[in-house]
Amino acid sequence: MTTDRDTAAPRSGRDETPAERADRLWTDMLQEVRVTQTGAQILFGFLIGVAFTPRFAALPDFDRNLYVATVLLGAVSTGALVAPVAFHRFLAGRGLKPELIHIAGRLIAVGLVTLALTMAAALLLLLRTALGDTTVAWALSAAVLLWFTTTWLVLPQLVLRRAATRRKGPDDDPDDGDGRRA
């Protein structure tokens, strides 16, 4: 006789059924998105208010267009990060959790990328206005975007590679450590 435990995902390293694994992953995703969702919504709210300040009318065309692009990025980011919550609300109890996890994971990734772009664009707009030095504003904004890319994308990939190498063992990996095959 086969039980749910016998069909648990073997690679998860946990003694859980596929349904338990889906529940855990879904809960983890919703917890993660709560943090970024709140930040995106607050940033979006502040961005909306900028257009109603007296100084906005005096912005040069480039800065006004940058503002519009930043607000649009903020809207896309907020929408992508709120989507998993809408999925949960409208599709809970329909046996679709594995599919929802896959789609929600992609939307969260889109939300994080557009959130990073929103923050970099908002920083560029702020620094162009505050510093009056376009070159420094672009350089600082690019540095911040590089920081997001490094901490949000590159470092997790390095951690994954190291973990995979440790699991396989040094003798199993034909890579000699400097990226070249032995």
N, C-alpha and C. Protein backbone atom coordinates (compact mmCIF):
# COMPACT_ATOMS: atom_id res chain seq x y z
N MET A 1 0.84 -1.19 0.00
CA MET A 1 0.00 0.00 0.00
C MET A 1 0.88 1.25 0.00
N THR A 2 0.60 2.20 -0.88
CA THR A 2 1.37 3.43 -0.99
C THR A 2 0.65 4.53 -0.22
N THR A 3 1.40 5.26 0.58
CA THR A 3 0.84 6.37 1.34
C THR A 3 1.33 7.68 0.74
N ASP A 4 0.75 8.79 1.21
CA ASP A 4 1.20 10.10 0.76
C ASP A 4 2.66 10.31 1.09
N ARG A 5 3.11 9.77 2.21
CA ARG A 5 4.51 9.92 2.62
C ARG A 5 5.45 9.24 1.62
N ASP A 6 4.99 8.16 0.99
CA ASP A 6 5.82 7.44 0.03
C ASP A 6 6.02 8.25 -1.25
N THR A 7 5.14 9.20 -1.51
CA THR A 7 5.24 10.00 -2.73
C THR A 7 5.80 11.39 -2.46
N ALA A 8 6.36 11.60 -1.27
CA ALA A 8 6.93 12.91 -0.93
C ALA A 8 8.09 13.20 -1.86
N ALA A 9 8.29 14.48 -2.12
CA ALA A 9 9.38 14.91 -3.02
C ALA A 9 10.71 14.51 -2.41
N PRO A 10 11.46 13.64 -3.07
CA PRO A 10 12.69 13.13 -2.50
C PRO A 10 13.78 14.18 -2.35
N ARG A 11 13.77 15.23 -3.15
CA ARG A 11 14.85 16.21 -3.09
C ARG A 11 14.62 17.29 -2.06
N SER A 12 13.48 17.31 -1.40
CA SER A 12 13.22 18.39 -0.46
C SER A 12 13.99 18.24 0.84
N GLY A 13 14.46 17.03 1.15
CA GLY A 13 15.17 16.82 2.40
C GLY A 13 14.27 16.85 3.61
N ARG A 14 12.98 16.78 3.41
CA ARG A 14 12.01 16.82 4.49
C ARG A 14 11.06 15.63 4.34
N ASP A 15 10.50 15.25 5.45
CA ASP A 15 9.52 14.17 5.43
C ASP A 15 8.14 14.81 5.30
N GLU A 16 7.76 15.14 4.05
CA GLU A 16 6.48 15.80 3.82
C GLU A 16 5.88 15.29 2.51
N THR A 17 4.58 15.30 2.47
CA THR A 17 3.88 14.90 1.25
C THR A 17 3.99 16.04 0.23
N PRO A 18 3.67 15.77 -1.03
CA PRO A 18 3.65 16.86 -2.02
C PRO A 18 2.69 17.99 -1.60
N ALA A 19 1.57 17.64 -1.01
CA ALA A 19 0.62 18.67 -0.56
C ALA A 19 1.21 19.49 0.59
N GLU A 20 1.88 18.83 1.51
CA GLU A 20 2.51 19.55 2.62
C GLU A 20 3.64 20.46 2.11
N ARG A 21 4.38 19.95 1.15
CA ARG A 21 5.46 20.75 0.56
C ARG A 21 4.87 21.97 -0.14
N ALA A 22 3.80 21.79 -0.90
CA ALA A 22 3.16 22.91 -1.59
C ALA A 22 2.65 23.93 -0.57
N ASP A 23 2.04 23.45 0.52
CA ASP A 23 1.56 24.36 1.56
C ASP A 23 2.70 25.16 2.17
N ARG A 24 3.82 24.48 2.45
CA ARG A 24 4.98 25.15 3.05
C ARG A 24 5.56 26.19 2.09
N LEU A 25 5.73 25.79 0.83
CA LEU A 25 6.29 26.72 -0.15
C LEU A 25 5.38 27.93 -0.35
N TRP A 26 4.09 27.69 -0.40
CA TRP A 26 3.13 28.78 -0.59
C TRP A 26 3.17 29.74 0.60
N THR A 27 3.20 29.20 1.81
CA THR A 27 3.28 30.04 3.01
C THR A 27 4.57 30.85 3.01
N ASP A 28 5.69 30.19 2.66
CA ASP A 28 6.97 30.90 2.58
C ASP A 28 6.90 32.05 1.58
N MET A 29 6.32 31.78 0.41
CA MET A 29 6.22 32.82 -0.62
C MET A 29 5.39 34.01 -0.14
N LEU A 30 4.27 33.73 0.49
CA LEU A 30 3.42 34.82 0.96
C LEU A 30 4.12 35.65 2.04
N GLN A 31 4.88 35.00 2.90
CA GLN A 31 5.64 35.72 3.92
C GLN A 31 6.69 36.61 3.26
N GLU A 32 7.40 36.06 2.28
CA GLU A 32 8.45 36.84 1.59
C GLU A 32 7.86 38.04 0.87
N VAL A 33 6.74 37.83 0.21
CA VAL A 33 6.17 38.90 -0.59
C VAL A 33 5.58 40.01 0.29
N ARG A 34 5.20 39.69 1.50
CA ARG A 34 4.65 40.72 2.39
C ARG A 34 5.66 41.84 2.63
N VAL A 35 6.92 41.48 2.76
CA VAL A 35 7.96 42.47 3.01
C VAL A 35 8.15 43.39 1.81
N THR A 36 8.34 42.81 0.65
CA THR A 36 8.60 43.62 -0.54
C THR A 36 7.35 44.37 -0.99
N GLN A 37 6.22 43.75 -0.82
CA GLN A 37 4.95 44.36 -1.21
C GLN A 37 4.73 45.66 -0.45
N THR A 38 4.97 45.65 0.83
CA THR A 38 4.77 46.84 1.64
C THR A 38 5.71 47.96 1.21
N GLY A 39 6.98 47.62 1.00
CA GLY A 39 7.94 48.62 0.54
C GLY A 39 7.57 49.20 -0.81
N ALA A 40 7.15 48.34 -1.73
CA ALA A 40 6.76 48.81 -3.07
C ALA A 40 5.55 49.73 -2.98
N GLN A 41 4.59 49.38 -2.15
CA GLN A 41 3.38 50.19 -2.02
C GLN A 41 3.69 51.56 -1.41
N ILE A 42 4.57 51.58 -0.42
CA ILE A 42 4.94 52.86 0.21
C ILE A 42 5.67 53.74 -0.80
N LEU A 43 6.64 53.15 -1.51
CA LEU A 43 7.38 53.91 -2.52
C LEU A 43 6.43 54.43 -3.59
N PHE A 44 5.53 53.59 -4.05
CA PHE A 44 4.56 53.99 -5.08
C PHE A 44 3.70 55.15 -4.58
N GLY A 45 3.27 55.07 -3.34
CA GLY A 45 2.47 56.15 -2.75
C GLY A 45 3.22 57.48 -2.72
N PHE A 46 4.48 57.44 -2.32
CA PHE A 46 5.28 58.66 -2.32
C PHE A 46 5.48 59.20 -3.73
N LEU A 47 5.70 58.30 -4.68
CA LEU A 47 5.88 58.73 -6.07
C LEU A 47 4.64 59.43 -6.61
N ILE A 48 3.49 58.91 -6.28
CA ILE A 48 2.25 59.53 -6.75
C ILE A 48 2.14 60.96 -6.24
N GLY A 49 2.53 61.17 -5.00
CA GLY A 49 2.43 62.50 -4.40
C GLY A 49 3.33 63.55 -5.03
N VAL A 50 4.43 63.12 -5.66
CA VAL A 50 5.39 64.07 -6.23
C VAL A 50 4.74 64.96 -7.29
N ALA A 51 3.87 64.41 -8.08
CA ALA A 51 3.24 65.18 -9.17
C ALA A 51 2.40 66.34 -8.65
N PHE A 52 2.03 66.31 -7.39
CA PHE A 52 1.17 67.34 -6.82
C PHE A 52 1.94 68.39 -6.03
N THR A 53 3.26 68.37 -6.13
CA THR A 53 4.08 69.37 -5.44
C THR A 53 4.30 70.57 -6.37
N PRO A 54 4.51 71.75 -5.80
CA PRO A 54 4.72 72.94 -6.64
C PRO A 54 5.96 72.83 -7.53
N ARG A 55 6.98 72.17 -7.09
CA ARG A 55 8.23 72.09 -7.85
C ARG A 55 8.11 71.18 -9.08
N PHE A 56 7.13 70.30 -9.09
CA PHE A 56 7.00 69.35 -10.20
C PHE A 56 6.83 70.06 -11.54
N ALA A 57 6.07 71.13 -11.58
CA ALA A 57 5.82 71.86 -12.83
C ALA A 57 7.10 72.45 -13.42
N ALA A 58 8.10 72.69 -12.58
CA ALA A 58 9.35 73.29 -13.05
C ALA A 58 10.37 72.25 -13.52
N LEU A 59 10.04 70.96 -13.41
CA LEU A 59 10.99 69.93 -13.82
C LEU A 59 11.23 69.98 -15.33
N PRO A 60 12.48 69.76 -15.74
CA PRO A 60 12.74 69.67 -17.18
C PRO A 60 12.03 68.45 -17.77
N ASP A 61 11.90 68.43 -19.09
CA ASP A 61 11.19 67.34 -19.77
C ASP A 61 11.79 65.97 -19.44
N PHE A 62 13.12 65.87 -19.42
CA PHE A 62 13.75 64.58 -19.13
C PHE A 62 13.31 64.08 -17.76
N ASP A 63 13.34 64.95 -16.76
CA ASP A 63 12.98 64.53 -15.40
C ASP A 63 11.49 64.20 -15.30
N ARG A 64 10.66 64.94 -16.01
CA ARG A 64 9.24 64.61 -16.01
C ARG A 64 8.99 63.24 -16.65
N ASN A 65 9.68 62.95 -17.75
CA ASN A 65 9.56 61.64 -18.40
C ASN A 65 10.14 60.54 -17.52
N LEU A 66 11.24 60.83 -16.83
CA LEU A 66 11.82 59.87 -15.88
C LEU A 66 10.83 59.59 -14.76
N TYR A 67 10.16 60.64 -14.30
CA TYR A 67 9.15 60.46 -13.26
C TYR A 67 8.02 59.54 -13.73
N VAL A 68 7.52 59.77 -14.94
CA VAL A 68 6.45 58.94 -15.48
C VAL A 68 6.91 57.49 -15.58
N ALA A 69 8.12 57.27 -16.09
CA ALA A 69 8.66 55.91 -16.19
C ALA A 69 8.80 55.27 -14.81
N THR A 70 9.22 56.05 -13.84
CA THR A 70 9.38 55.54 -12.47
C THR A 70 8.04 55.15 -11.87
N VAL A 71 7.02 55.99 -12.07
CA VAL A 71 5.69 55.67 -11.56
C VAL A 71 5.14 54.41 -12.23
N LEU A 72 5.35 54.29 -13.53
CA LEU A 72 4.88 53.09 -14.24
C LEU A 72 5.60 51.84 -13.74
N LEU A 73 6.91 51.94 -13.54
CA LEU A 73 7.66 50.80 -12.97
C LEU A 73 7.14 50.45 -11.57
N GLY A 74 6.84 51.48 -10.79
CA GLY A 74 6.30 51.25 -9.44
C GLY A 74 4.95 50.57 -9.49
N ALA A 75 4.12 50.96 -10.46
CA ALA A 75 2.81 50.32 -10.60
C ALA A 75 2.96 48.86 -11.00
N VAL A 76 3.85 48.58 -11.95
CA VAL A 76 4.08 47.20 -12.38
C VAL A 76 4.63 46.36 -11.22
N SER A 77 5.58 46.94 -10.49
CA SER A 77 6.15 46.24 -9.34
C SER A 77 5.09 45.92 -8.29
N THR A 78 4.30 46.91 -7.94
CA THR A 78 3.25 46.71 -6.94
C THR A 78 2.26 45.65 -7.42
N GLY A 79 1.85 45.74 -8.69
CA GLY A 79 0.91 44.76 -9.23
C GLY A 79 1.46 43.35 -9.21
N ALA A 80 2.72 43.19 -9.59
CA ALA A 80 3.33 41.86 -9.61
C ALA A 80 3.48 41.30 -8.20
N LEU A 81 3.78 42.15 -7.23
CA LEU A 81 3.97 41.67 -5.87
C LEU A 81 2.66 41.42 -5.13
N VAL A 82 1.60 42.07 -5.55
CA VAL A 82 0.29 41.86 -4.94
C VAL A 82 -0.41 40.64 -5.58
N ALA A 83 -0.04 40.30 -6.79
CA ALA A 83 -0.70 39.21 -7.53
C ALA A 83 -0.77 37.89 -6.75
N PRO A 84 0.31 37.44 -6.09
CA PRO A 84 0.19 36.17 -5.34
C PRO A 84 -0.90 36.20 -4.26
N VAL A 85 -1.12 37.35 -3.67
CA VAL A 85 -2.18 37.46 -2.67
C VAL A 85 -3.55 37.31 -3.34
N ALA A 86 -3.70 37.92 -4.51
CA ALA A 86 -4.96 37.79 -5.26
C ALA A 86 -5.17 36.33 -5.67
N PHE A 87 -4.09 35.67 -6.11
CA PHE A 87 -4.19 34.25 -6.45
C PHE A 87 -4.73 33.47 -5.27
N HIS A 88 -4.12 33.72 -4.12
CA HIS A 88 -4.51 32.99 -2.92
C HIS A 88 -5.99 33.22 -2.60
N ARG A 89 -6.40 34.47 -2.68
CA ARG A 89 -7.77 34.81 -2.33
C ARG A 89 -8.77 34.18 -3.29
N PHE A 90 -8.50 34.24 -4.59
CA PHE A 90 -9.48 33.80 -5.57
C PHE A 90 -9.39 32.32 -5.93
N LEU A 91 -8.23 31.70 -5.71
CA LEU A 91 -8.05 30.32 -6.17
C LEU A 91 -7.79 29.32 -5.05
N ALA A 92 -7.83 29.75 -3.81
CA ALA A 92 -7.59 28.83 -2.69
C ALA A 92 -8.64 27.73 -2.68
N GLY A 93 -8.19 26.53 -2.37
CA GLY A 93 -9.10 25.41 -2.24
C GLY A 93 -9.47 24.74 -3.54
N ARG A 94 -8.82 25.08 -4.63
CA ARG A 94 -9.16 24.49 -5.93
C ARG A 94 -8.13 23.47 -6.41
N GLY A 95 -7.19 23.10 -5.53
CA GLY A 95 -6.20 22.09 -5.88
C GLY A 95 -5.16 22.55 -6.89
N LEU A 96 -4.91 23.84 -6.94
CA LEU A 96 -3.98 24.40 -7.92
C LEU A 96 -2.67 24.91 -7.31
N LYS A 97 -2.42 24.59 -6.06
CA LYS A 97 -1.28 25.19 -5.37
C LYS A 97 0.06 25.00 -6.08
N PRO A 98 0.40 23.80 -6.58
CA PRO A 98 1.69 23.68 -7.28
C PRO A 98 1.81 24.63 -8.49
N GLU A 99 0.73 24.77 -9.24
CA GLU A 99 0.74 25.68 -10.38
C GLU A 99 0.85 27.13 -9.91
N LEU A 100 0.13 27.45 -8.84
CA LEU A 100 0.16 28.81 -8.32
C LEU A 100 1.55 29.17 -7.80
N ILE A 101 2.22 28.21 -7.17
CA ILE A 101 3.57 28.45 -6.67
C ILE A 101 4.49 28.81 -7.83
N HIS A 102 4.38 28.09 -8.92
CA HIS A 102 5.22 28.34 -10.09
C HIS A 102 4.95 29.74 -10.67
N ILE A 103 3.69 30.06 -10.89
CA ILE A 103 3.33 31.36 -11.48
C ILE A 103 3.65 32.49 -10.50
N ALA A 104 3.32 32.32 -9.24
CA ALA A 104 3.59 33.36 -8.24
C ALA A 104 5.09 33.61 -8.12
N GLY A 105 5.89 32.55 -8.19
CA GLY A 105 7.35 32.72 -8.13
C GLY A 105 7.86 33.60 -9.26
N ARG A 106 7.32 33.41 -10.44
CA ARG A 106 7.72 34.24 -11.59
C ARG A 106 7.26 35.69 -11.41
N LEU A 107 6.03 35.87 -10.92
CA LEU A 107 5.54 37.22 -10.69
C LEU A 107 6.34 37.94 -9.60
N ILE A 108 6.72 37.22 -8.57
CA ILE A 108 7.55 37.83 -7.53
C ILE A 108 8.89 38.24 -8.11
N ALA A 109 9.47 37.41 -8.98
CA ALA A 109 10.73 37.77 -9.63
C ALA A 109 10.56 39.04 -10.47
N VAL A 110 9.48 39.12 -11.23
CA VAL A 110 9.19 40.33 -12.01
C VAL A 110 9.04 41.52 -11.07
N GLY A 111 8.33 41.32 -9.97
CA GLY A 111 8.14 42.39 -9.00
C GLY A 111 9.44 42.87 -8.39
N LEU A 112 10.35 41.95 -8.10
CA LEU A 112 11.64 42.35 -7.53
C LEU A 112 12.49 43.10 -8.54
N VAL A 113 12.50 42.64 -9.78
CA VAL A 113 13.28 43.33 -10.82
C VAL A 113 12.72 44.73 -11.04
N THR A 114 11.41 44.84 -11.18
CA THR A 114 10.82 46.16 -11.42
C THR A 114 10.92 47.04 -10.17
N LEU A 115 10.92 46.45 -8.99
CA LEU A 115 11.13 47.23 -7.77
C LEU A 115 12.55 47.80 -7.75
N ALA A 116 13.53 47.00 -8.11
CA ALA A 116 14.92 47.50 -8.18
C ALA A 116 15.03 48.63 -9.20
N LEU A 117 14.40 48.46 -10.36
CA LEU A 117 14.43 49.51 -11.38
C LEU A 117 13.69 50.77 -10.91
N THR A 118 12.58 50.57 -10.20
CA THR A 118 11.83 51.72 -9.66
C THR A 118 12.69 52.49 -8.68
N MET A 119 13.34 51.77 -7.80
CA MET A 119 14.17 52.43 -6.79
C MET A 119 15.36 53.16 -7.43
N ALA A 120 15.98 52.53 -8.42
CA ALA A 120 17.11 53.18 -9.09
C ALA A 120 16.64 54.42 -9.86
N ALA A 121 15.50 54.32 -10.53
CA ALA A 121 14.97 55.47 -11.28
C ALA A 121 14.55 56.59 -10.33
N ALA A 122 13.92 56.24 -9.22
CA ALA A 122 13.53 57.26 -8.24
C ALA A 122 14.77 57.94 -7.66
N LEU A 123 15.79 57.14 -7.40
CA LEU A 123 17.04 57.70 -6.89
C LEU A 123 17.67 58.64 -7.92
N LEU A 124 17.65 58.23 -9.19
CA LEU A 124 18.20 59.08 -10.25
C LEU A 124 17.44 60.41 -10.29
N LEU A 125 16.13 60.35 -10.26
CA LEU A 125 15.33 61.58 -10.29
C LEU A 125 15.65 62.46 -9.08
N LEU A 126 15.71 61.86 -7.92
CA LEU A 126 16.01 62.62 -6.70
C LEU A 126 17.40 63.24 -6.76
N LEU A 127 18.39 62.44 -7.15
CA LEU A 127 19.77 62.95 -7.17
C LEU A 127 19.98 64.01 -8.26
N ARG A 128 19.33 63.85 -9.40
CA ARG A 128 19.43 64.89 -10.44
C ARG A 128 18.89 66.22 -9.92
N THR A 129 17.81 66.15 -9.15
CA THR A 129 17.21 67.36 -8.60
C THR A 129 18.02 67.90 -7.43
N ALA A 130 18.43 67.02 -6.54
CA ALA A 130 19.11 67.46 -5.32
C ALA A 130 20.55 67.91 -5.57
N LEU A 131 21.27 67.18 -6.43
CA LEU A 131 22.68 67.49 -6.64
C LEU A 131 22.91 68.47 -7.78
N GLY A 132 22.04 68.45 -8.77
CA GLY A 132 22.25 69.30 -9.93
C GLY A 132 23.39 68.82 -10.81
N ASP A 133 23.99 67.68 -10.49
CA ASP A 133 25.09 67.12 -11.27
C ASP A 133 24.61 65.80 -11.89
N THR A 134 24.33 65.85 -13.17
CA THR A 134 23.76 64.69 -13.86
C THR A 134 24.70 63.50 -13.84
N THR A 135 25.99 63.72 -14.04
CA THR A 135 26.95 62.62 -14.08
C THR A 135 27.02 61.89 -12.75
N VAL A 136 27.09 62.62 -11.68
CA VAL A 136 27.14 62.00 -10.34
C VAL A 136 25.84 61.27 -10.06
N ALA A 137 24.71 61.86 -10.44
CA ALA A 137 23.41 61.22 -10.22
C ALA A 137 23.33 59.89 -10.95
N TRP A 138 23.75 59.86 -12.22
CA TRP A 138 23.73 58.61 -12.99
C TRP A 138 24.68 57.59 -12.38
N ALA A 139 25.87 58.02 -11.99
CA ALA A 139 26.86 57.09 -11.43
C ALA A 139 26.36 56.48 -10.12
N LEU A 140 25.81 57.30 -9.24
CA LEU A 140 25.31 56.79 -7.96
C LEU A 140 24.11 55.86 -8.16
N SER A 141 23.21 56.23 -9.05
CA SER A 141 22.04 55.38 -9.33
C SER A 141 22.46 54.05 -9.94
N ALA A 142 23.43 54.09 -10.84
CA ALA A 142 23.94 52.86 -11.45
C ALA A 142 24.61 51.99 -10.40
N ALA A 143 25.34 52.61 -9.48
CA ALA A 143 26.00 51.86 -8.40
C ALA A 143 24.96 51.17 -7.51
N VAL A 144 23.89 51.85 -7.21
CA VAL A 144 22.83 51.25 -6.39
C VAL A 144 22.16 50.10 -7.15
N LEU A 145 21.90 50.29 -8.43
CA LEU A 145 21.31 49.21 -9.23
C LEU A 145 22.26 48.01 -9.31
N LEU A 146 23.54 48.27 -9.42
CA LEU A 146 24.53 47.19 -9.39
C LEU A 146 24.52 46.48 -8.04
N TRP A 147 24.35 47.23 -6.98
CA TRP A 147 24.26 46.65 -5.63
C TRP A 147 23.05 45.72 -5.53
N PHE A 148 21.90 46.18 -6.02
CA PHE A 148 20.71 45.32 -6.02
C PHE A 148 20.95 44.06 -6.83
N THR A 149 21.54 44.22 -8.01
CA THR A 149 21.82 43.07 -8.87
C THR A 149 22.74 42.08 -8.17
N THR A 150 23.75 42.60 -7.50
CA THR A 150 24.71 41.73 -6.81
C THR A 150 24.06 41.01 -5.63
N THR A 151 23.36 41.76 -4.80
CA THR A 151 22.81 41.14 -3.58
C THR A 151 21.56 40.32 -3.85
N TRP A 152 20.77 40.69 -4.84
CA TRP A 152 19.51 39.99 -5.09
C TRP A 152 19.64 38.87 -6.11
N LEU A 153 20.62 38.95 -7.02
CA LEU A 153 20.74 37.94 -8.07
C LEU A 153 22.05 37.17 -8.04
N VAL A 154 23.17 37.88 -8.02
CA VAL A 154 24.47 37.23 -8.13
C VAL A 154 24.80 36.41 -6.89
N LEU A 155 24.69 37.01 -5.72
CA LEU A 155 25.02 36.28 -4.49
C LEU A 155 24.19 35.02 -4.29
N PRO A 156 22.87 35.07 -4.50
CA PRO A 156 22.11 33.82 -4.36
C PRO A 156 22.60 32.73 -5.33
N GLN A 157 22.98 33.11 -6.55
CA GLN A 157 23.48 32.13 -7.51
C GLN A 157 24.81 31.53 -7.04
N LEU A 158 25.67 32.35 -6.46
CA LEU A 158 26.94 31.84 -5.93
C LEU A 158 26.70 30.87 -4.78
N VAL A 159 25.75 31.21 -3.91
CA VAL A 159 25.41 30.32 -2.80
C VAL A 159 24.89 28.99 -3.33
N LEU A 160 24.03 29.04 -4.33
CA LEU A 160 23.50 27.81 -4.93
C LEU A 160 24.62 26.94 -5.52
N ARG A 161 25.54 27.57 -6.23
CA ARG A 161 26.65 26.82 -6.82
C ARG A 161 27.52 26.16 -5.75
N ARG A 162 27.80 26.91 -4.70
CA ARG A 162 28.62 26.34 -3.61
C ARG A 162 27.90 25.19 -2.94
N ALA A 163 26.61 25.35 -2.71
CA ALA A 163 25.84 24.27 -2.08
C ALA A 163 25.81 23.04 -2.97
N ALA A 164 25.65 23.23 -4.27
CA ALA A 164 25.64 22.11 -5.20
C ALA A 164 26.98 21.41 -5.23
N THR A 165 28.06 22.17 -5.18
CA THR A 165 29.40 21.59 -5.17
C THR A 165 29.63 20.78 -3.90
N ARG A 166 29.17 21.32 -2.77
CA ARG A 166 29.33 20.59 -1.50
C ARG A 166 28.56 19.29 -1.51
N ARG A 167 27.36 19.30 -2.08
CA ARG A 167 26.56 18.07 -2.14
C ARG A 167 27.22 17.02 -3.01
N LYS A 168 27.77 17.46 -4.14
CA LYS A 168 28.40 16.52 -5.07
C LYS A 168 29.75 16.05 -4.55
N GLY A 169 30.46 16.89 -3.84
CA GLY A 169 31.80 16.57 -3.37
C GLY A 169 32.82 17.06 -4.38
N PRO A 170 34.01 17.43 -3.92
CA PRO A 170 35.01 18.01 -4.81
C PRO A 170 35.49 17.04 -5.89
N ASP A 171 35.46 15.74 -5.63
CA ASP A 171 35.94 14.78 -6.62
C ASP A 171 34.94 14.56 -7.75
N ASP A 172 33.67 14.90 -7.52
CA ASP A 172 32.63 14.68 -8.52
C ASP A 172 32.53 15.81 -9.53
N ASP A 173 33.13 16.97 -9.23
CA ASP A 173 32.97 18.16 -10.06
C ASP A 173 34.15 18.29 -11.00
N PRO A 174 33.91 18.25 -12.32
CA PRO A 174 35.02 18.38 -13.25
C PRO A 174 35.53 19.82 -13.37
N ASP A 175 34.86 20.77 -12.73
CA ASP A 175 35.29 22.15 -12.73
C ASP A 175 36.43 22.29 -11.72
N ASP A 176 37.58 22.83 -12.16
CA ASP A 176 38.72 22.87 -11.25
C ASP A 176 38.76 24.10 -10.36
N GLY A 177 37.67 24.83 -10.29
CA GLY A 177 37.58 25.94 -9.35
C GLY A 177 37.74 27.31 -9.98
N ASP A 178 38.35 27.37 -11.17
CA ASP A 178 38.52 28.68 -11.79
C ASP A 178 37.60 28.85 -12.99
N GLY A 179 36.56 27.98 -13.06
CA GLY A 179 35.60 28.09 -14.14
C GLY A 179 35.96 27.26 -15.36
N ARG A 180 37.12 26.65 -15.35
CA ARG A 180 37.52 25.82 -16.50
C ARG A 180 37.35 24.35 -16.16
N ARG A 181 37.06 23.58 -17.15
CA ARG A 181 36.94 22.14 -16.97
C ARG A 181 38.31 21.52 -16.85
N ALA A 182 38.43 20.51 -15.99
CA ALA A 182 39.71 19.84 -15.80
C ALA A 182 40.03 18.94 -16.99
